[in-house]
């Protein structure tokens, strides 16, 4: 019985091989099928080349932007804010498609804020949060934007920006401070019941924190 099974399997393999050879010969005898296959192969190759080229281009762009940010940060550290601003603005202009454009605008906002230009900072921070941001600077960008809005007495929008941050990062380690800041902005906007609710949330969620100590003063 085992020999019969073995012979049967070998026969199947031989039949499959013969069938494959026959189909291959028939395929290459049909010029239309060959041309169609070649067209598909060429098309696939072109797509692969385009994807490779685009990926290489994007990587090169991001590398240039990363270097420019590093140079600007060095200028910021040296208190040469004007040069840092010029470098960052030039980078944003020359590489508008970079995935690091959000980071460029974040540091540009910091520069404007250092110079006391709140309107410039607002524009830059707004552009930053409207773009992709690495997680390492994402919270800082949203908080900086909200503080700039608060400085312009746009308290309600500041609260909304904090909400966006918590929606994006629900486990943000500074969530208690965000709630505290929301309470302050709502209080300044005259929305006392809403402010009290934010303060109570801080006390309930972080009872032993410094945030809660501050919030207790405003819970009604």
C-alpha atoms as a PDB file:
ATOM      1  CA  UNK A   1       0.000   0.000   0.000  1.00  0.00           C
ATOM      2  CA  UNK A   2       2.854   2.386   0.859  1.00  0.00           C
ATOM      3  CA  UNK A   3       4.461   1.768  -2.541  1.00  0.00           C
ATOM      4  CA  UNK A   4       1.143   2.505  -4.240  1.00  0.00           C
ATOM      5  CA  UNK A   5       0.785   5.774  -2.343  1.00  0.00           C
ATOM      6  CA  UNK A   6       4.346   6.734  -3.189  1.00  0.00           C
ATOM      7  CA  UNK A   7       3.856   5.920  -6.845  1.00  0.00           C
ATOM      8  CA  UNK A   8       0.578   7.864  -6.888  1.00  0.00           C
ATOM      9  CA  UNK A   9       2.234  10.971  -5.360  1.00  0.00           C
ATOM     10  CA  UNK A  10       5.126  10.776  -7.799  1.00  0.00           C
ATOM     11  CA  UNK A  11       2.672  10.516 -10.669  1.00  0.00           C
ATOM     12  CA  UNK A  12       0.868  13.634  -9.419  1.00  0.00           C
ATOM     13  CA  UNK A  13       4.137  15.555  -9.265  1.00  0.00           C
ATOM     14  CA  UNK A  14       5.044  14.477 -12.780  1.00  0.00           C
ATOM     15  CA  UNK A  15       1.599  15.549 -14.036  1.00  0.00           C
ATOM     16  CA  UNK A  16       1.923  18.916 -12.300  1.00  0.00           C
ATOM     17  CA  UNK A  17       5.366  19.484 -13.833  1.00  0.00           C
ATOM     18  CA  UNK A  18       4.123  18.525 -17.313  1.00  0.00           C
ATOM     19  CA  UNK A  19       1.147  20.846 -16.906  1.00  0.00           C
ATOM     20  CA  UNK A  20       3.390  23.712 -15.794  1.00  0.00           C
ATOM     21  CA  UNK A  21       5.752  23.204 -18.744  1.00  0.00           C
ATOM     22  CA  UNK A  22       2.823  23.042 -21.155  1.00  0.00           C
ATOM     23  CA  UNK A  23       1.259  26.249 -19.818  1.00  0.00           C
ATOM     24  CA  UNK A  24       4.641  28.000 -19.925  1.00  0.00           C
ATOM     25  CA  UNK A  25       5.222  27.008 -23.565  1.00  0.00           C
ATOM     26  CA  UNK A  26       1.692  28.088 -24.517  1.00  0.00           C
ATOM     27  CA  UNK A  27       2.190  31.398 -22.717  1.00  0.00           C
ATOM     28  CA  UNK A  28       5.366  32.287 -24.632  1.00  0.00           C
ATOM     29  CA  UNK A  29       3.751  31.249 -27.924  1.00  0.00           C
ATOM     30  CA  UNK A  30       1.104  33.957 -27.409  1.00  0.00           C
ATOM     31  CA  UNK A  31       2.699  37.392 -28.123  1.00  0.00           C
ATOM     32  CA  UNK A  32      -0.284  39.234 -26.633  1.00  0.00           C
ATOM     33  CA  UNK A  33       0.156  37.527 -23.265  1.00  0.00           C
ATOM     34  CA  UNK A  34       3.917  38.096 -23.316  1.00  0.00           C
ATOM     35  CA  UNK A  35       3.469  41.805 -24.107  1.00  0.00           C
ATOM     36  CA  UNK A  36       0.868  42.174 -21.375  1.00  0.00           C
ATOM     37  CA  UNK A  37       3.170  40.542 -18.834  1.00  0.00           C
ATOM     38  CA  UNK A  38       6.068  42.740 -19.900  1.00  0.00           C
ATOM     39  CA  UNK A  39       3.913  45.840 -19.605  1.00  0.00           C
ATOM     40  CA  UNK A  40       2.876  44.851 -16.096  1.00  0.00           C
ATOM     41  CA  UNK A  41       6.500  44.155 -15.138  1.00  0.00           C
ATOM     42  CA  UNK A  42       7.682  47.489 -16.532  1.00  0.00           C
ATOM     43  CA  UNK A  43       4.818  49.284 -14.781  1.00  0.00           C
ATOM     44  CA  UNK A  44       5.645  47.641 -11.472  1.00  0.00           C
ATOM     45  CA  UNK A  45       9.311  48.554 -11.903  1.00  0.00           C
ATOM     46  CA  UNK A  46       8.450  52.179 -12.637  1.00  0.00           C
ATOM     47  CA  UNK A  47       6.214  52.370  -9.564  1.00  0.00           C
ATOM     48  CA  UNK A  48       8.984  50.879  -7.418  1.00  0.00           C
ATOM     49  CA  UNK A  49      11.470  53.414  -8.809  1.00  0.00           C
ATOM     50  CA  UNK A  50       9.105  56.313  -8.143  1.00  0.00           C
ATOM     51  CA  UNK A  51       8.479  55.140  -4.560  1.00  0.00           C
ATOM     52  CA  UNK A  52      12.198  54.674  -3.983  1.00  0.00           C
ATOM     53  CA  UNK A  53      13.003  58.084  -5.443  1.00  0.00           C
ATOM     54  CA  UNK A  54      10.316  59.839  -3.413  1.00  0.00           C
ATOM     55  CA  UNK A  55      11.420  58.111  -0.202  1.00  0.00           C
ATOM     56  CA  UNK A  56      15.045  59.055  -0.833  1.00  0.00           C
ATOM     57  CA  UNK A  57      14.014  62.639  -1.554  1.00  0.00           C
ATOM     58  CA  UNK A  58      11.941  62.901   1.637  1.00  0.00           C
ATOM     59  CA  UNK A  59      14.737  61.405   3.717  1.00  0.00           C
ATOM     60  CA  UNK A  60      17.206  63.903   2.261  1.00  0.00           C
ATOM     61  CA  UNK A  61      14.822  66.805   2.913  1.00  0.00           C
ATOM     62  CA  UNK A  62      14.254  65.753   6.518  1.00  0.00           C
ATOM     63  CA  UNK A  63      18.006  65.351   7.033  1.00  0.00           C
ATOM     64  CA  UNK A  64      18.601  68.907   5.830  1.00  0.00           C
ATOM     65  CA  UNK A  65      15.819  70.236   8.060  1.00  0.00           C
ATOM     66  CA  UNK A  66      17.136  68.302  11.058  1.00  0.00           C
ATOM     67  CA  UNK A  67      20.556  69.898  10.563  1.00  0.00           C
ATOM     68  CA  UNK A  68      18.991  73.345  10.212  1.00  0.00           C
ATOM     69  CA  UNK A  69      17.070  72.893  13.471  1.00  0.00           C
ATOM     70  CA  UNK A  70      20.284  71.878  15.209  1.00  0.00           C
ATOM     71  CA  UNK A  71      22.003  75.024  13.936  1.00  0.00           C
ATOM     72  CA  UNK A  72      19.075  77.202  15.047  1.00  0.00           C
ATOM     73  CA  UNK A  73      19.051  75.640  18.523  1.00  0.00           C
ATOM     74  CA  UNK A  74      22.754  76.393  18.836  1.00  0.00           C
ATOM     75  CA  UNK A  75      22.008  80.030  17.967  1.00  0.00           C
ATOM     76  CA  UNK A  76      19.221  80.079  20.548  1.00  0.00           C
ATOM     77  CA  UNK A  77      21.630  78.732  23.148  1.00  0.00           C
ATOM     78  CA  UNK A  78      24.074  81.489  22.240  1.00  0.00           C
ATOM     79  CA  UNK A  79      21.280  84.085  22.641  1.00  0.00           C
ATOM     80  CA  UNK A  80      21.521  84.942  18.934  1.00  0.00           C
ATOM     81  CA  UNK A  81      17.749  84.867  18.536  1.00  0.00           C
ATOM     82  CA  UNK A  82      17.568  86.993  15.394  1.00  0.00           C
ATOM     83  CA  UNK A  83      19.849  84.646  13.462  1.00  0.00           C
ATOM     84  CA  UNK A  84      17.905  81.636  14.751  1.00  0.00           C
ATOM     85  CA  UNK A  85      14.655  83.204  13.533  1.00  0.00           C
ATOM     86  CA  UNK A  86      16.120  83.882  10.106  1.00  0.00           C
ATOM     87  CA  UNK A  87      17.489  80.339   9.831  1.00  0.00           C
ATOM     88  CA  UNK A  88      14.176  78.766  10.846  1.00  0.00           C
ATOM     89  CA  UNK A  89      12.122  80.973   8.531  1.00  0.00           C
ATOM     90  CA  UNK A  90      14.421  80.135   5.623  1.00  0.00           C
ATOM     91  CA  UNK A  91      14.170  76.433   6.422  1.00  0.00           C
ATOM     92  CA  UNK A  92      10.354  76.571   6.524  1.00  0.00           C
ATOM     93  CA  UNK A  93      10.351  78.406   3.183  1.00  0.00           C
ATOM     94  CA  UNK A  94      12.809  76.076   1.455  1.00  0.00           C
ATOM     95  CA  UNK A  95      11.420  72.765   2.756  1.00  0.00           C
ATOM     96  CA  UNK A  96       7.621  73.157   3.036  1.00  0.00           C
ATOM     97  CA  UNK A  97       7.036  69.425   2.492  1.00  0.00           C
ATOM     98  CA  UNK A  98       9.289  68.247   5.309  1.00  0.00           C
ATOM     99  CA  UNK A  99       7.729  66.068   7.983  1.00  0.00           C
ATOM    100  CA  UNK A 100       9.742  68.127  10.494  1.00  0.00           C
ATOM    101  CA  UNK A 101       8.061  71.414   9.607  1.00  0.00           C
ATOM    102  CA  UNK A 102       6.087  71.276  12.865  1.00  0.00           C
ATOM    103  CA  UNK A 103       9.327  71.187  14.845  1.00  0.00           C
ATOM    104  CA  UNK A 104      10.692  74.126  12.834  1.00  0.00           C
ATOM    105  CA  UNK A 105       7.656  76.223  13.716  1.00  0.00           C
ATOM    106  CA  UNK A 106       7.776  75.167  17.368  1.00  0.00           C
ATOM    107  CA  UNK A 107      11.320  76.467  17.769  1.00  0.00           C
ATOM    108  CA  UNK A 108      10.426  79.546  15.749  1.00  0.00           C
ATOM    109  CA  UNK A 109       7.610  80.200  18.225  1.00  0.00           C
ATOM    110  CA  UNK A 110      10.060  79.913  21.104  1.00  0.00           C
ATOM    111  CA  UNK A 111      12.282  82.507  19.443  1.00  0.00           C
ATOM    112  CA  UNK A 112       9.441  84.968  18.973  1.00  0.00           C
ATOM    113  CA  UNK A 113       8.315  84.404  22.546  1.00  0.00           C
ATOM    114  CA  UNK A 114      11.827  85.117  23.805  1.00  0.00           C
ATOM    115  CA  UNK A 115      11.756  88.416  21.928  1.00  0.00           C
ATOM    116  CA  UNK A 116       8.356  89.264  23.405  1.00  0.00           C
ATOM    117  CA  UNK A 117       6.613  89.004  20.024  1.00  0.00           C
ATOM    118  CA  UNK A 118       3.451  87.197  21.144  1.00  0.00           C
ATOM    119  CA  UNK A 119       1.707  87.605  17.788  1.00  0.00           C
ATOM    120  CA  UNK A 120       4.661  86.003  16.011  1.00  0.00           C
ATOM    121  CA  UNK A 121       4.759  83.237  18.597  1.00  0.00           C
ATOM    122  CA  UNK A 122       1.030  82.603  18.197  1.00  0.00           C
ATOM    123  CA  UNK A 123       1.384  82.234  14.428  1.00  0.00           C
ATOM    124  CA  UNK A 124       4.367  79.897  14.725  1.00  0.00           C
ATOM    125  CA  UNK A 125       2.844  77.746  17.479  1.00  0.00           C
ATOM    126  CA  UNK A 126      -0.433  77.539  15.574  1.00  0.00           C
ATOM    127  CA  UNK A 127       1.432  76.312  12.497  1.00  0.00           C
ATOM    128  CA  UNK A 128       3.342  73.843  14.673  1.00  0.00           C
ATOM    129  CA  UNK A 129       0.286  72.166  16.182  1.00  0.00           C
ATOM    130  CA  UNK A 130      -1.309  72.062  12.738  1.00  0.00           C
ATOM    131  CA  UNK A 131       1.552  69.866  11.509  1.00  0.00           C
ATOM    132  CA  UNK A 132       3.105  66.573  12.506  1.00  0.00           C
ATOM    133  CA  UNK A 133       5.083  66.867  15.745  1.00  0.00           C
ATOM    134  CA  UNK A 134       7.454  64.310  17.287  1.00  0.00           C
ATOM    135  CA  UNK A 135       6.113  63.066  20.623  1.00  0.00           C
ATOM    136  CA  UNK A 136       9.143  64.506  22.403  1.00  0.00           C
ATOM    137  CA  UNK A 137       8.052  68.094  21.667  1.00  0.00           C
ATOM    138  CA  UNK A 138       4.321  67.645  21.052  1.00  0.00           C
ATOM    139  CA  UNK A 139       3.162  68.501  24.613  1.00  0.00           C
ATOM    140  CA  UNK A 140       5.508  71.475  24.768  1.00  0.00           C
ATOM    141  CA  UNK A 141       4.153  72.880  21.519  1.00  0.00           C
ATOM    142  CA  UNK A 142       0.519  72.649  22.647  1.00  0.00           C
ATOM    143  CA  UNK A 143       1.231  74.084  26.099  1.00  0.00           C
ATOM    144  CA  UNK A 144       3.298  76.924  24.624  1.00  0.00           C
ATOM    145  CA  UNK A 145       0.498  77.704  22.167  1.00  0.00           C
ATOM    146  CA  UNK A 146      -2.082  77.749  24.966  1.00  0.00           C
ATOM    147  CA  UNK A 147       0.088  80.053  27.095  1.00  0.00           C
ATOM    148  CA  UNK A 148       0.486  82.426  24.159  1.00  0.00           C
ATOM    149  CA  UNK A 149      -3.285  82.463  23.689  1.00  0.00           C
ATOM    150  CA  UNK A 150      -3.704  83.168  27.391  1.00  0.00           C
ATOM    151  CA  UNK A 151      -1.260  86.069  27.080  1.00  0.00           C
ATOM    152  CA  UNK A 152      -3.550  87.479  24.362  1.00  0.00           C
ATOM    153  CA  UNK A 153      -6.548  86.893  26.653  1.00  0.00           C
ATOM    154  CA  UNK A 154      -8.015  84.318  24.265  1.00  0.00           C
ATOM    155  CA  UNK A 155      -8.914  82.109  27.207  1.00  0.00           C
ATOM    156  CA  UNK A 156     -11.583  79.945  25.587  1.00  0.00           C
ATOM    157  CA  UNK A 157      -9.333  78.960  22.690  1.00  0.00           C
ATOM    158  CA  UNK A 158      -6.539  78.178  25.151  1.00  0.00           C
ATOM    159  CA  UNK A 159      -8.877  75.714  26.888  1.00  0.00           C
ATOM    160  CA  UNK A 160      -9.673  74.129  23.517  1.00  0.00           C
ATOM    161  CA  UNK A 161      -5.964  73.698  22.722  1.00  0.00           C
ATOM    162  CA  UNK A 162      -5.464  71.926  26.054  1.00  0.00           C
ATOM    163  CA  UNK A 163      -8.390  69.654  25.158  1.00  0.00           C
ATOM    164  CA  UNK A 164      -6.688  68.788  21.876  1.00  0.00           C
ATOM    165  CA  UNK A 165      -3.512  67.866  23.735  1.00  0.00           C
ATOM    166  CA  UNK A 166      -5.369  65.551  26.125  1.00  0.00           C
ATOM    167  CA  UNK A 167      -7.238  63.940  23.216  1.00  0.00           C
ATOM    168  CA  UNK A 168      -3.973  63.236  21.415  1.00  0.00           C
ATOM    169  CA  UNK A 169      -2.135  62.122  24.575  1.00  0.00           C
ATOM    170  CA  UNK A 170      -4.746  60.815  27.048  1.00  0.00           C
ATOM    171  CA  UNK A 171      -1.985  59.403  29.276  1.00  0.00           C
ATOM    172  CA  UNK A 172       0.081  62.584  29.279  1.00  0.00           C
ATOM    173  CA  UNK A 173       2.110  62.733  32.495  1.00  0.00           C
ATOM    174  CA  UNK A 174       1.315  66.436  32.933  1.00  0.00           C
ATOM    175  CA  UNK A 175      -2.448  66.031  32.593  1.00  0.00           C
ATOM    176  CA  UNK A 176      -3.026  67.431  36.088  1.00  0.00           C
ATOM    177  CA  UNK A 177      -1.257  70.653  35.183  1.00  0.00           C
ATOM    178  CA  UNK A 178      -3.252  70.842  31.947  1.00  0.00           C
ATOM    179  CA  UNK A 179      -6.520  70.593  33.886  1.00  0.00           C
ATOM    180  CA  UNK A 180      -5.265  73.228  36.313  1.00  0.00           C
ATOM    181  CA  UNK A 181      -4.420  75.535  33.415  1.00  0.00           C
ATOM    182  CA  UNK A 182      -7.836  74.955  31.900  1.00  0.00           C
ATOM    183  CA  UNK A 183      -9.444  75.881  35.197  1.00  0.00           C
ATOM    184  CA  UNK A 184      -7.461  79.117  35.321  1.00  0.00           C
ATOM    185  CA  UNK A 185      -8.380  80.082  31.755  1.00  0.00           C
ATOM    186  CA  UNK A 186     -12.048  79.328  32.336  1.00  0.00           C
ATOM    187  CA  UNK A 187     -11.954  81.388  35.536  1.00  0.00           C
ATOM    188  CA  UNK A 188     -10.340  84.300  33.697  1.00  0.00           C
ATOM    189  CA  UNK A 189     -12.997  83.964  30.983  1.00  0.00           C
ATOM    190  CA  UNK A 190     -15.688  84.328  33.654  1.00  0.00           C
ATOM    191  CA  UNK A 191     -16.894  80.739  33.266  1.00  0.00           C
ATOM    192  CA  UNK A 192     -16.815  79.965  36.970  1.00  0.00           C
ATOM    193  CA  UNK A 193     -18.894  76.739  37.086  1.00  0.00           C
ATOM    194  CA  UNK A 194     -16.806  75.206  34.285  1.00  0.00           C
ATOM    195  CA  UNK A 195     -13.633  76.358  36.009  1.00  0.00           C
ATOM    196  CA  UNK A 196     -14.708  74.815  39.290  1.00  0.00           C
ATOM    197  CA  UNK A 197     -15.381  71.506  37.529  1.00  0.00           C
ATOM    198  CA  UNK A 198     -11.825  71.456  36.150  1.00  0.00           C
ATOM    199  CA  UNK A 199     -10.366  72.239  39.564  1.00  0.00           C
ATOM    200  CA  UNK A 200     -12.457  69.473  41.145  1.00  0.00           C
ATOM    201  CA  UNK A 201     -11.207  67.033  38.511  1.00  0.00           C
ATOM    202  CA  UNK A 202      -7.642  67.867  39.531  1.00  0.00           C
ATOM    203  CA  UNK A 203      -8.414  67.247  43.217  1.00  0.00           C
ATOM    204  CA  UNK A 204     -10.230  63.987  42.474  1.00  0.00           C
ATOM    205  CA  UNK A 205      -7.628  62.561  40.070  1.00  0.00           C
ATOM    206  CA  UNK A 206      -4.456  63.798  41.752  1.00  0.00           C
ATOM    207  CA  UNK A 207      -5.384  64.246  45.452  1.00  0.00           C
ATOM    208  CA  UNK A 208      -1.845  64.183  46.817  1.00  0.00           C
ATOM    209  CA  UNK A 209      -0.242  66.405  44.200  1.00  0.00           C
ATOM    210  CA  UNK A 210       0.870  70.020  44.251  1.00  0.00           C
ATOM    211  CA  UNK A 211      -1.720  70.575  41.523  1.00  0.00           C
ATOM    212  CA  UNK A 212      -4.487  69.509  43.898  1.00  0.00           C
ATOM    213  CA  UNK A 213      -3.183  71.859  46.600  1.00  0.00           C
ATOM    214  CA  UNK A 214      -3.578  74.779  44.183  1.00  0.00           C
ATOM    215  CA  UNK A 215      -6.900  73.572  42.769  1.00  0.00           C
ATOM    216  CA  UNK A 216      -8.589  73.243  46.209  1.00  0.00           C
ATOM    217  CA  UNK A 217      -8.551  77.011  46.549  1.00  0.00           C
ATOM    218  CA  UNK A 218     -10.917  77.363  43.613  1.00  0.00           C
ATOM    219  CA  UNK A 219     -13.311  74.439  44.065  1.00  0.00           C
ATOM    220  CA  UNK A 220     -16.806  75.760  44.788  1.00  0.00           C
END
